[in-house]
Amino acid sequence: MRKGPRLIAVTHSALTGTAASGDTAATYTLTVDALAFISPAE
């Protein structure tokens, strides 16, 4: 997927996280479902 024409379609995304507390930083996780469409070589 590094080279060539392609199209990406995100079908679903979700962001979850925990708040910062004391000396602990906030953390986040992003989950993405996607479809990749690749054009065949000519």
PDB file of N, CA and C in Angstrom:
ATOM      1  N   MET A   1       0.821  -1.196   0.000  1.00  0.00           N
ATOM      2  CA  MET A   1       0.000   0.000   0.000  1.00  0.00           C
ATOM      3  C   MET A   1       0.862   1.256   0.000  1.00  0.00           C
ATOM      4  N   ARG A   2       2.147   1.087  -0.052  1.00  0.00           N
ATOM      5  CA  ARG A   2       3.022   2.253  -0.011  1.00  0.00           C
ATOM      6  C   ARG A   2       2.951   3.066  -1.293  1.00  0.00           C
ATOM      7  N   LYS A   3       2.843   2.401  -2.456  1.00  0.00           N
ATOM      8  CA  LYS A   3       2.827   3.110  -3.731  1.00  0.00           C
ATOM      9  C   LYS A   3       1.535   2.814  -4.489  1.00  0.00           C
ATOM     10  N   GLY A   4       1.204   3.707  -5.375  1.00  0.00           N
ATOM     11  CA  GLY A   4       0.081   3.478  -6.262  1.00  0.00           C
ATOM     12  C   GLY A   4      -1.199   4.141  -5.801  1.00  0.00           C
ATOM     13  N   PRO A   5      -2.161   4.224  -6.710  1.00  0.00           N
ATOM     14  CA  PRO A   5      -3.438   4.864  -6.371  1.00  0.00           C
ATOM     15  C   PRO A   5      -4.252   3.999  -5.407  1.00  0.00           C
ATOM     16  N   ARG A   6      -4.807   4.628  -4.421  1.00  0.00           N
ATOM     17  CA  ARG A   6      -5.644   3.914  -3.457  1.00  0.00           C
ATOM     18  C   ARG A   6      -6.598   4.912  -2.794  1.00  0.00           C
ATOM     19  N   LEU A   7      -7.614   4.356  -2.189  1.00  0.00           N
ATOM     20  CA  LEU A   7      -8.628   5.149  -1.510  1.00  0.00           C
ATOM     21  C   LEU A   7      -8.914   4.478  -0.182  1.00  0.00           C
ATOM     22  N   ILE A   8      -9.015   5.237   0.887  1.00  0.00           N
ATOM     23  CA  ILE A   8      -9.313   4.705   2.211  1.00  0.00           C
ATOM     24  C   ILE A   8     -10.678   5.244   2.645  1.00  0.00           C
ATOM     25  N   ALA A   9     -11.547   4.366   3.116  1.00  0.00           N
ATOM     26  CA  ALA A   9     -12.865   4.762   3.617  1.00  0.00           C
ATOM     27  C   ALA A   9     -12.977   4.326   5.077  1.00  0.00           C
ATOM     28  N   VAL A  10     -13.134   5.280   5.978  1.00  0.00           N
ATOM     29  CA  VAL A  10     -13.330   4.967   7.397  1.00  0.00           C
ATOM     30  C   VAL A  10     -14.789   4.592   7.592  1.00  0.00           C
ATOM     31  N   THR A  11     -15.034   3.396   8.130  1.00  0.00           N
ATOM     32  CA  THR A  11     -16.406   2.937   8.322  1.00  0.00           C
ATOM     33  C   THR A  11     -16.885   3.116   9.759  1.00  0.00           C
ATOM     34  N   HIS A  12     -15.960   3.157  10.730  1.00  0.00           N
ATOM     35  CA  HIS A  12     -16.325   3.340  12.129  1.00  0.00           C
ATOM     36  C   HIS A  12     -15.092   3.792  12.895  1.00  0.00           C
ATOM     37  N   SER A  13     -15.295   4.651  13.880  1.00  0.00           N
ATOM     38  CA  SER A  13     -14.196   5.041  14.757  1.00  0.00           C
ATOM     39  C   SER A  13     -14.725   5.220  16.173  1.00  0.00           C
ATOM     40  N   ALA A  14     -13.861   4.960  17.159  1.00  0.00           N
ATOM     41  CA  ALA A  14     -14.238   5.112  18.562  1.00  0.00           C
ATOM     42  C   ALA A  14     -13.033   5.609  19.335  1.00  0.00           C
ATOM     43  N   LEU A  15     -13.249   6.595  20.195  1.00  0.00           N
ATOM     44  CA  LEU A  15     -12.195   7.143  21.032  1.00  0.00           C
ATOM     45  C   LEU A  15     -12.559   6.885  22.492  1.00  0.00           C
ATOM     46  N   THR A  16     -11.653   6.242  23.214  1.00  0.00           N
ATOM     47  CA  THR A  16     -11.849   6.003  24.638  1.00  0.00           C
ATOM     48  C   THR A  16     -10.650   6.562  25.370  1.00  0.00           C
ATOM     49  N   GLY A  17     -10.840   6.891  26.629  1.00  0.00           N
ATOM     50  CA  GLY A  17      -9.719   7.441  27.381  1.00  0.00           C
ATOM     51  C   GLY A  17      -9.960   7.450  28.870  1.00  0.00           C
ATOM     52  N   THR A  18      -8.883   7.762  29.581  1.00  0.00           N
ATOM     53  CA  THR A  18      -8.950   7.919  31.028  1.00  0.00           C
ATOM     54  C   THR A  18      -8.432   9.303  31.372  1.00  0.00           C
ATOM     55  N   ALA A  19      -9.029   9.909  32.355  1.00  0.00           N
ATOM     56  CA  ALA A  19      -8.652  11.255  32.767  1.00  0.00           C
ATOM     57  C   ALA A  19      -7.333  11.231  33.531  1.00  0.00           C
ATOM     58  N   ALA A  20      -6.647  12.365  33.465  1.00  0.00           N
ATOM     59  CA  ALA A  20      -5.415  12.508  34.236  1.00  0.00           C
ATOM     60  C   ALA A  20      -5.766  12.599  35.715  1.00  0.00           C
ATOM     61  N   SER A  21      -4.898  12.009  36.553  1.00  0.00           N
ATOM     62  CA  SER A  21      -5.109  12.117  37.999  1.00  0.00           C
ATOM     63  C   SER A  21      -3.745  12.075  38.693  1.00  0.00           C
ATOM     64  N   GLY A  22      -3.540  12.989  39.604  1.00  0.00           N
ATOM     65  CA  GLY A  22      -2.276  13.034  40.337  1.00  0.00           C
ATOM     66  C   GLY A  22      -1.097  13.177  39.395  1.00  0.00           C
ATOM     67  N   ASP A  23      -0.177  12.230  39.437  1.00  0.00           N
ATOM     68  CA  ASP A  23       1.001  12.295  38.571  1.00  0.00           C
ATOM     69  C   ASP A  23       0.872  11.411  37.328  1.00  0.00           C
ATOM     70  N   THR A  24      -0.345  10.958  37.042  1.00  0.00           N
ATOM     71  CA  THR A  24      -0.595  10.107  35.874  1.00  0.00           C
ATOM     72  C   THR A  24      -1.237  10.932  34.766  1.00  0.00           C
ATOM     73  N   ALA A  25      -0.665  10.851  33.571  1.00  0.00           N
ATOM     74  CA  ALA A  25      -1.203  11.586  32.422  1.00  0.00           C
ATOM     75  C   ALA A  25      -2.448  10.889  31.885  1.00  0.00           C
ATOM     76  N   ALA A  26      -3.259  11.654  31.185  1.00  0.00           N
ATOM     77  CA  ALA A  26      -4.435  11.087  30.523  1.00  0.00           C
ATOM     78  C   ALA A  26      -3.975  10.171  29.394  1.00  0.00           C
ATOM     79  N   THR A  27      -4.730   9.113  29.134  1.00  0.00           N
ATOM     80  CA  THR A  27      -4.420   8.209  28.030  1.00  0.00           C
ATOM     81  C   THR A  27      -5.652   8.063  27.149  1.00  0.00           C
ATOM     82  N   TYR A  28      -5.408   7.906  25.859  1.00  0.00           N
ATOM     83  CA  TYR A  28      -6.489   7.769  24.892  1.00  0.00           C
ATOM     84  C   TYR A  28      -6.175   6.628  23.944  1.00  0.00           C
ATOM     85  N   THR A  29      -7.234   5.957  23.469  1.00  0.00           N
ATOM     86  CA  THR A  29      -7.112   4.913  22.460  1.00  0.00           C
ATOM     87  C   THR A  29      -8.106   5.221  21.344  1.00  0.00           C
ATOM     88  N   LEU A  30      -7.604   5.286  20.123  1.00  0.00           N
ATOM     89  CA  LEU A  30      -8.456   5.490  18.950  1.00  0.00           C
ATOM     90  C   LEU A  30      -8.496   4.186  18.170  1.00  0.00           C
ATOM     91  N   THR A  31      -9.710   3.674  17.960  1.00  0.00           N
ATOM     92  CA  THR A  31      -9.909   2.450  17.184  1.00  0.00           C
ATOM     93  C   THR A  31     -10.617   2.833  15.891  1.00  0.00           C
ATOM     94  N   VAL A  32     -10.059   2.392  14.767  1.00  0.00           N
ATOM     95  CA  VAL A  32     -10.611   2.746  13.456  1.00  0.00           C
ATOM     96  C   VAL A  32     -10.827   1.486  12.634  1.00  0.00           C
ATOM     97  N   ASP A  33     -12.022   1.361  12.058  1.00  0.00           N
ATOM     98  CA  ASP A  33     -12.311   0.320  11.070  1.00  0.00           C
ATOM     99  C   ASP A  33     -12.314   1.024   9.718  1.00  0.00           C
ATOM    100  N   ALA A  34     -11.579   0.489   8.759  1.00  0.00           N
ATOM    101  CA  ALA A  34     -11.468   1.134   7.463  1.00  0.00           C
ATOM    102  C   ALA A  34     -11.413   0.102   6.339  1.00  0.00           C
ATOM    103  N   LEU A  35     -11.774   0.557   5.160  1.00  0.00           N
ATOM    104  CA  LEU A  35     -11.661  -0.246   3.943  1.00  0.00           C
ATOM    105  C   LEU A  35     -10.634   0.419   3.040  1.00  0.00           C
ATOM    106  N   ALA A  36      -9.773  -0.372   2.431  1.00  0.00           N
ATOM    107  CA  ALA A  36      -8.783   0.140   1.484  1.00  0.00           C
ATOM    108  C   ALA A  36      -9.140  -0.345   0.085  1.00  0.00           C
ATOM    109  N   PHE A  37      -9.269   0.577  -0.836  1.00  0.00           N
ATOM    110  CA  PHE A  37      -9.551   0.246  -2.233  1.00  0.00           C
ATOM    111  C   PHE A  37      -8.298   0.537  -3.035  1.00  0.00           C
ATOM    112  N   ILE A  38      -7.798  -0.479  -3.742  1.00  0.00           N
ATOM    113  CA  ILE A  38      -6.561  -0.336  -4.499  1.00  0.00           C
ATOM    114  C   ILE A  38      -6.846  -0.535  -5.976  1.00  0.00           C
ATOM    115  N   SER A  39      -6.364   0.390  -6.786  1.00  0.00           N
ATOM    116  CA  SER A  39      -6.560   0.287  -8.221  1.00  0.00           C
ATOM    117  C   SER A  39      -5.541  -0.696  -8.791  1.00  0.00           C
ATOM    118  N   PRO A  40      -5.994  -1.648  -9.625  1.00  0.00           N
ATOM    119  CA  PRO A  40      -5.056  -2.605 -10.217  1.00  0.00           C
ATOM    120  C   PRO A  40      -4.095  -1.897 -11.170  1.00  0.00           C
ATOM    121  N   ALA A  41      -2.894  -2.445 -11.300  1.00  0.00           N
ATOM    122  CA  ALA A  41      -1.899  -1.872 -12.220  1.00  0.00           C
ATOM    123  C   ALA A  41      -2.389  -1.982 -13.652  1.00  0.00           C
ATOM    124  N   GLU A  42      -2.075  -0.984 -14.421  1.00  0.00           N
ATOM    125  CA  GLU A  42      -2.491  -1.001 -15.839  1.00  0.00           C
ATOM    126  C   GLU A  42      -1.399  -1.543 -16.705  1.00  0.00           C
TER     127      GLU A  42
END
